[in-house]
Amino acid sequence: QVQLVESGGTLVQPGGSLRLSCVASGFTLSNYAMSWYRQAPGKERELVAGISSGGGVTNYGDSMKGRFTISRLNDKNTVYLQMNSLKPEDTAVYYCNARRLVREYWGQGTQVTVSS
């Protein structure tokens, strides 16, 4: 059974940091490009960050560049999103995504709330 399980979301103050984790099971993580997306209330889902299957190529949404870092440990079946200098506008549900050709999997999401 394929699963992506996100964790690490919580309430954090503006300027704070948070690390999200996504643990994969039921498929070979190293064969898949991985991404983090987020969706705020009333807004469309947007790309936060992506990383190639081997980890050598990353890309970020414009508002995340310089603040967020995506990484992966294929031998631990885990993808991370390190978020620094968090802002209230980063408040959203964050989703993990795995993609290989036409095959795609999604996690259930983890809530990140940035507020004082």
N, C-alpha and C. Protein backbone atom coordinates (compact mmCIF):
# COMPACT_ATOMS: atom_id res chain seq x y z
N GLN A 1 0.84 -1.19 0.00
CA GLN A 1 0.00 0.00 0.00
C GLN A 1 0.88 1.25 0.00
N VAL A 2 0.64 2.12 -0.96
CA VAL A 2 1.42 3.34 -1.08
C VAL A 2 0.95 4.36 -0.05
N GLN A 3 1.91 4.94 0.66
CA GLN A 3 1.59 5.97 1.63
C GLN A 3 2.65 7.05 1.64
N LEU A 4 2.20 8.28 1.79
CA LEU A 4 3.07 9.41 2.10
C LEU A 4 2.50 10.04 3.36
N VAL A 5 3.31 10.10 4.40
CA VAL A 5 2.83 10.60 5.68
C VAL A 5 3.67 11.81 6.08
N GLU A 6 3.02 12.97 6.10
CA GLU A 6 3.70 14.20 6.50
C GLU A 6 3.58 14.39 8.01
N SER A 7 4.56 15.06 8.57
CA SER A 7 4.54 15.41 9.98
C SER A 7 5.38 16.66 10.20
N GLY A 8 5.22 17.24 11.39
CA GLY A 8 6.03 18.40 11.75
C GLY A 8 5.29 19.72 11.74
N GLY A 9 4.09 19.74 11.19
CA GLY A 9 3.33 20.98 11.17
C GLY A 9 2.84 21.34 12.56
N THR A 10 2.86 22.62 12.86
CA THR A 10 2.42 23.11 14.16
C THR A 10 2.25 24.61 14.11
N LEU A 11 1.95 25.20 15.25
CA LEU A 11 1.87 26.65 15.37
C LEU A 11 3.26 27.19 15.69
N VAL A 12 3.68 28.20 14.93
CA VAL A 12 5.00 28.79 15.14
C VAL A 12 4.89 30.30 15.00
N GLN A 13 5.73 31.02 15.72
CA GLN A 13 5.70 32.49 15.67
C GLN A 13 6.38 33.00 14.40
N PRO A 14 5.99 34.17 13.95
CA PRO A 14 6.67 34.78 12.80
C PRO A 14 8.17 34.89 13.06
N GLY A 15 8.96 34.58 12.03
CA GLY A 15 10.40 34.57 12.17
C GLY A 15 10.97 33.25 12.63
N GLY A 16 10.11 32.35 13.02
CA GLY A 16 10.56 31.06 13.51
C GLY A 16 10.88 30.08 12.41
N SER A 17 11.29 28.89 12.83
CA SER A 17 11.68 27.83 11.90
C SER A 17 10.89 26.56 12.20
N LEU A 18 10.81 25.73 11.16
CA LEU A 18 10.08 24.47 11.29
C LEU A 18 10.64 23.50 10.27
N ARG A 19 10.68 22.23 10.61
CA ARG A 19 11.08 21.21 9.64
C ARG A 19 9.95 20.21 9.48
N LEU A 20 9.49 20.07 8.26
CA LEU A 20 8.49 19.08 7.92
C LEU A 20 9.17 17.81 7.41
N SER A 21 8.55 16.68 7.68
CA SER A 21 9.04 15.39 7.18
C SER A 21 7.94 14.70 6.40
N CYS A 22 8.35 13.92 5.43
CA CYS A 22 7.42 13.11 4.64
C CYS A 22 8.04 11.73 4.52
N VAL A 23 7.38 10.76 5.12
CA VAL A 23 7.88 9.38 5.08
C VAL A 23 7.07 8.59 4.06
N ALA A 24 7.78 7.95 3.14
CA ALA A 24 7.14 7.19 2.08
C ALA A 24 7.20 5.69 2.35
N SER A 25 6.18 4.99 1.91
CA SER A 25 6.17 3.54 2.00
C SER A 25 5.35 2.97 0.84
N GLY A 26 5.64 1.74 0.49
CA GLY A 26 4.88 1.07 -0.56
C GLY A 26 5.40 1.29 -1.96
N PHE A 27 6.47 2.08 -2.10
CA PHE A 27 7.08 2.27 -3.41
C PHE A 27 8.55 2.65 -3.19
N THR A 28 9.32 2.63 -4.25
CA THR A 28 10.76 2.93 -4.17
C THR A 28 10.97 4.42 -4.32
N LEU A 29 11.22 5.08 -3.19
CA LEU A 29 11.32 6.54 -3.18
C LEU A 29 12.36 7.06 -4.16
N SER A 30 13.47 6.36 -4.28
CA SER A 30 14.59 6.84 -5.09
C SER A 30 14.25 6.93 -6.58
N ASN A 31 13.13 6.36 -6.99
CA ASN A 31 12.71 6.43 -8.39
C ASN A 31 11.81 7.63 -8.69
N TYR A 32 11.49 8.39 -7.66
CA TYR A 32 10.49 9.44 -7.78
C TYR A 32 11.07 10.81 -7.48
N ALA A 33 10.65 11.78 -8.29
CA ALA A 33 10.85 13.18 -7.92
C ALA A 33 9.86 13.51 -6.82
N MET A 34 10.30 14.32 -5.87
CA MET A 34 9.46 14.66 -4.73
C MET A 34 9.26 16.16 -4.65
N SER A 35 8.10 16.54 -4.17
CA SER A 35 7.79 17.96 -4.04
C SER A 35 6.98 18.21 -2.78
N TRP A 36 7.02 19.44 -2.35
CA TRP A 36 6.12 19.94 -1.32
C TRP A 36 5.22 20.99 -1.98
N TYR A 37 3.94 20.89 -1.70
CA TYR A 37 2.97 21.89 -2.12
C TYR A 37 2.28 22.42 -0.87
N ARG A 38 1.61 23.53 -1.01
CA ARG A 38 0.82 24.04 0.10
C ARG A 38 -0.47 24.65 -0.42
N GLN A 39 -1.45 24.68 0.46
CA GLN A 39 -2.74 25.28 0.11
C GLN A 39 -3.29 26.03 1.32
N ALA A 40 -3.47 27.31 1.14
CA ALA A 40 -4.07 28.15 2.17
C ALA A 40 -5.57 28.25 1.93
N PRO A 41 -6.35 28.56 2.95
CA PRO A 41 -7.80 28.67 2.79
C PRO A 41 -8.18 29.66 1.69
N GLY A 42 -9.03 29.21 0.78
CA GLY A 42 -9.49 30.08 -0.28
C GLY A 42 -8.51 30.30 -1.41
N LYS A 43 -7.37 29.59 -1.36
CA LYS A 43 -6.36 29.75 -2.40
C LYS A 43 -6.09 28.43 -3.09
N GLU A 44 -5.50 28.52 -4.28
CA GLU A 44 -5.13 27.32 -5.01
C GLU A 44 -3.86 26.69 -4.41
N ARG A 45 -3.74 25.40 -4.63
CA ARG A 45 -2.52 24.72 -4.19
C ARG A 45 -1.34 25.23 -5.01
N GLU A 46 -0.22 25.49 -4.34
CA GLU A 46 0.95 26.01 -5.04
C GLU A 46 2.19 25.20 -4.69
N LEU A 47 3.12 25.20 -5.63
CA LEU A 47 4.39 24.51 -5.43
C LEU A 47 5.24 25.27 -4.42
N VAL A 48 5.75 24.54 -3.44
CA VAL A 48 6.69 25.12 -2.48
C VAL A 48 8.12 24.82 -2.89
N ALA A 49 8.40 23.53 -3.13
CA ALA A 49 9.76 23.11 -3.48
C ALA A 49 9.71 21.74 -4.12
N GLY A 50 10.69 21.46 -4.97
CA GLY A 50 10.80 20.16 -5.59
C GLY A 50 12.24 19.68 -5.59
N ILE A 51 12.43 18.37 -5.65
CA ILE A 51 13.76 17.79 -5.66
C ILE A 51 13.76 16.57 -6.57
N SER A 52 14.80 16.42 -7.35
CA SER A 52 14.89 15.31 -8.29
C SER A 52 15.08 14.00 -7.53
N SER A 53 14.94 12.90 -8.26
CA SER A 53 14.98 11.59 -7.62
C SER A 53 16.31 11.34 -6.90
N GLY A 54 17.40 11.82 -7.49
CA GLY A 54 18.71 11.63 -6.87
C GLY A 54 19.11 12.74 -5.92
N GLY A 55 18.31 13.79 -5.89
CA GLY A 55 18.58 14.90 -4.97
C GLY A 55 19.47 15.99 -5.52
N GLY A 56 19.90 15.84 -6.77
CA GLY A 56 20.87 16.80 -7.30
C GLY A 56 20.27 18.09 -7.83
N VAL A 57 18.97 18.09 -8.07
CA VAL A 57 18.32 19.28 -8.63
C VAL A 57 17.15 19.67 -7.74
N THR A 58 17.10 20.94 -7.38
CA THR A 58 15.99 21.45 -6.57
C THR A 58 15.40 22.69 -7.23
N ASN A 59 14.16 22.96 -6.92
CA ASN A 59 13.53 24.18 -7.38
C ASN A 59 12.54 24.65 -6.32
N TYR A 60 12.29 25.96 -6.32
CA TYR A 60 11.47 26.56 -5.27
C TYR A 60 10.49 27.57 -5.85
N GLY A 61 9.37 27.71 -5.15
CA GLY A 61 8.46 28.80 -5.47
C GLY A 61 9.14 30.13 -5.15
N ASP A 62 8.75 31.17 -5.87
CA ASP A 62 9.44 32.45 -5.75
C ASP A 62 9.48 32.98 -4.32
N SER A 63 8.39 32.86 -3.60
CA SER A 63 8.34 33.44 -2.26
C SER A 63 9.05 32.59 -1.22
N MET A 64 9.51 31.42 -1.60
CA MET A 64 10.20 30.52 -0.67
C MET A 64 11.71 30.52 -0.86
N LYS A 65 12.18 31.06 -1.97
CA LYS A 65 13.61 31.03 -2.25
C LYS A 65 14.39 31.75 -1.17
N GLY A 66 15.44 31.10 -0.70
CA GLY A 66 16.29 31.68 0.33
C GLY A 66 15.81 31.43 1.74
N ARG A 67 14.57 30.95 1.88
CA ARG A 67 14.04 30.68 3.22
C ARG A 67 13.79 29.20 3.46
N PHE A 68 13.41 28.48 2.41
CA PHE A 68 13.07 27.06 2.53
C PHE A 68 14.13 26.20 1.85
N THR A 69 14.33 25.01 2.38
CA THR A 69 15.27 24.05 1.79
C THR A 69 14.64 22.67 1.77
N ILE A 70 14.61 22.07 0.59
CA ILE A 70 14.11 20.70 0.47
C ILE A 70 15.30 19.76 0.39
N SER A 71 15.15 18.60 1.02
CA SER A 71 16.20 17.58 0.98
C SER A 71 15.56 16.21 1.08
N ARG A 72 16.36 15.20 0.81
CA ARG A 72 15.83 13.84 0.87
C ARG A 72 16.90 12.86 1.31
N LEU A 73 16.46 11.82 2.01
CA LEU A 73 17.31 10.69 2.37
C LEU A 73 16.63 9.45 1.84
N ASN A 74 17.05 9.02 0.66
CA ASN A 74 16.37 7.89 0.02
C ASN A 74 16.49 6.61 0.84
N ASP A 75 17.61 6.45 1.55
CA ASP A 75 17.77 5.22 2.33
C ASP A 75 16.87 5.20 3.56
N LYS A 76 16.32 6.37 3.91
CA LYS A 76 15.37 6.46 5.02
C LYS A 76 13.94 6.71 4.52
N ASN A 77 13.78 6.69 3.20
CA ASN A 77 12.46 6.91 2.59
C ASN A 77 11.80 8.19 3.08
N THR A 78 12.60 9.23 3.24
CA THR A 78 12.10 10.46 3.84
C THR A 78 12.53 11.68 3.03
N VAL A 79 11.62 12.63 2.94
CA VAL A 79 11.87 13.92 2.34
C VAL A 79 11.60 14.98 3.39
N TYR A 80 12.42 16.02 3.40
CA TYR A 80 12.30 17.07 4.41
C TYR A 80 12.05 18.43 3.75
N LEU A 81 11.44 19.29 4.52
CA LEU A 81 11.32 20.69 4.13
C LEU A 81 11.70 21.54 5.34
N GLN A 82 12.85 22.18 5.27
CA GLN A 82 13.30 23.08 6.31
C GLN A 82 12.79 24.47 5.97
N MET A 83 12.04 25.05 6.88
CA MET A 83 11.45 26.37 6.66
C MET A 83 11.97 27.35 7.70
N ASN A 84 12.60 28.40 7.24
CA ASN A 84 13.15 29.43 8.13
C ASN A 84 12.47 30.77 7.84
N SER A 85 12.63 31.70 8.77
CA SER A 85 12.07 33.05 8.62
C SER A 85 10.60 33.00 8.21
N LEU A 86 9.85 32.21 8.93
CA LEU A 86 8.45 32.01 8.57
C LEU A 86 7.63 33.27 8.73
N LYS A 87 6.66 33.43 7.83
CA LYS A 87 5.79 34.59 7.81
C LYS A 87 4.34 34.13 7.95
N PRO A 88 3.47 35.01 8.40
CA PRO A 88 2.05 34.63 8.51
C PRO A 88 1.48 34.11 7.19
N GLU A 89 1.95 34.63 6.07
CA GLU A 89 1.45 34.18 4.77
C GLU A 89 1.93 32.78 4.39
N ASP A 90 2.80 32.20 5.21
CA ASP A 90 3.19 30.81 5.00
C ASP A 90 2.18 29.84 5.62
N THR A 91 1.21 30.36 6.32
CA THR A 91 0.18 29.52 6.92
C THR A 91 -0.59 28.77 5.84
N ALA A 92 -0.61 27.44 5.97
CA ALA A 92 -1.26 26.60 4.96
C ALA A 92 -1.18 25.14 5.39
N VAL A 93 -1.88 24.30 4.66
CA VAL A 93 -1.67 22.87 4.77
C VAL A 93 -0.59 22.50 3.76
N TYR A 94 0.43 21.81 4.23
CA TYR A 94 1.56 21.43 3.38
C TYR A 94 1.44 19.95 3.01
N TYR A 95 1.56 19.69 1.71
CA TYR A 95 1.39 18.34 1.18
C TYR A 95 2.68 17.84 0.53
N CYS A 96 2.92 16.57 0.72
CA CYS A 96 4.03 15.89 0.08
C CYS A 96 3.53 15.22 -1.20
N ASN A 97 4.34 15.28 -2.25
CA ASN A 97 3.96 14.73 -3.54
C ASN A 97 5.10 13.92 -4.12
N ALA A 98 4.78 12.75 -4.67
CA ALA A 98 5.75 11.91 -5.36
C ALA A 98 5.29 11.75 -6.82
N ARG A 99 6.23 11.90 -7.73
CA ARG A 99 5.86 11.82 -9.15
C ARG A 99 6.91 11.09 -9.96
N ARG A 100 6.44 10.18 -10.82
CA ARG A 100 7.33 9.48 -11.76
C ARG A 100 6.52 9.20 -13.01
N LEU A 101 6.87 9.86 -14.07
CA LEU A 101 6.15 9.75 -15.36
C LEU A 101 4.68 10.10 -15.10
N VAL A 102 3.75 9.18 -15.34
CA VAL A 102 2.33 9.50 -15.15
C VAL A 102 1.82 9.08 -13.78
N ARG A 103 2.68 8.52 -12.96
CA ARG A 103 2.27 8.05 -11.65
C ARG A 103 2.53 9.15 -10.62
N GLU A 104 1.56 9.36 -9.75
CA GLU A 104 1.65 10.45 -8.78
C GLU A 104 0.94 10.05 -7.49
N TYR A 105 1.56 10.40 -6.36
CA TYR A 105 0.97 10.11 -5.06
C TYR A 105 0.99 11.38 -4.22
N TRP A 106 0.00 11.48 -3.32
CA TRP A 106 -0.12 12.62 -2.41
C TRP A 106 -0.27 12.14 -0.98
N GLY A 107 0.27 12.93 -0.07
CA GLY A 107 0.03 12.70 1.33
C GLY A 107 -1.24 13.41 1.78
N GLN A 108 -1.54 13.27 3.06
CA GLN A 108 -2.79 13.83 3.59
C GLN A 108 -2.61 15.27 4.07
N GLY A 109 -1.38 15.71 4.18
CA GLY A 109 -1.11 17.10 4.55
C GLY A 109 -0.85 17.30 6.03
N THR A 110 -0.12 18.36 6.33
CA THR A 110 0.15 18.75 7.71
C THR A 110 -0.03 20.26 7.81
N GLN A 111 -0.69 20.70 8.88
CA GLN A 111 -1.04 22.12 9.03
C GLN A 111 0.12 22.90 9.62
N VAL A 112 0.49 23.98 8.95
CA VAL A 112 1.47 24.93 9.47
C VAL A 112 0.75 26.25 9.69
N THR A 113 0.83 26.76 10.90
CA THR A 113 0.22 28.04 11.23
C THR A 113 1.29 28.98 11.78
N VAL A 114 1.44 30.12 11.14
CA VAL A 114 2.43 31.11 11.57
C VAL A 114 1.67 32.29 12.14
N SER A 115 1.79 32.45 13.44
CA SER A 115 1.01 33.50 14.11
C SER A 115 1.63 33.82 15.46
N SER A 116 1.48 35.08 15.86
CA SER A 116 1.95 35.46 17.19
C SER A 116 0.82 35.36 18.20
